[in-house]
Amino acid sequence: MVEVHLEDDLPMVLLVLFAICTTLVVAIHLIALFISTCILPHIEAAANDKYDHELCSSKAAVNRSPHVRLRRYIELAWILSTGVGILLFLTQMSVLTWVRFRGVSFAASVVATAVIVPAIIIFIVFAVHFYRELIAYKYERVTSEINELENAVLELELANRAGASEIV
């Protein structure tokens, strides 16, 4: 991608679009790599902590784990690398075909774009479907936990009322 021969008569718009796509692809993946690299030592430290090994079955130990505290960064790295990165890479491939084949074969550029566009659409449809399923699962889990808490509160209130009536 970087060692492509650019023709002298390449339209400036195409050149700028290629430069933007290439730069964004590299930047997005490097940011995701940086986030992942910074998080890894925290998770390894928790895994090696003797205290965490003794409490590994308790929910408190799981909640103290760095992967819970750093969840936003982990999700950001995943979204950048997987979602945005792949989409930008596919876009860059389409632009690259126009940069590379524009002067050689217009048909090759059109065909390559015609192949990449459905791939981008399929990727977006899958990503939206996957995300919706993930959100639905999280919503069901939180709703279930809220219902459990409400039931526990009701049981405590009933137990308090029963205890208060026994005292009287």
Foldseek 3Di string as FASTA:
>chain_A
DVPADFDPPPDPVLVVLLVVLVVLLVVLLVLLVVLVVVQVVQQVVLVPDPVCVVVVPPPVSVCPRSCNVCVVSNVSSCCSCPPVNVLSVLVSQLSVCCRRCVVPDPVSSVVSCVVSVVVSVVSVVVVVVVVVVVVVVVVVVVVVVVVVVVVVVVVVVVVVVVVVVVVD
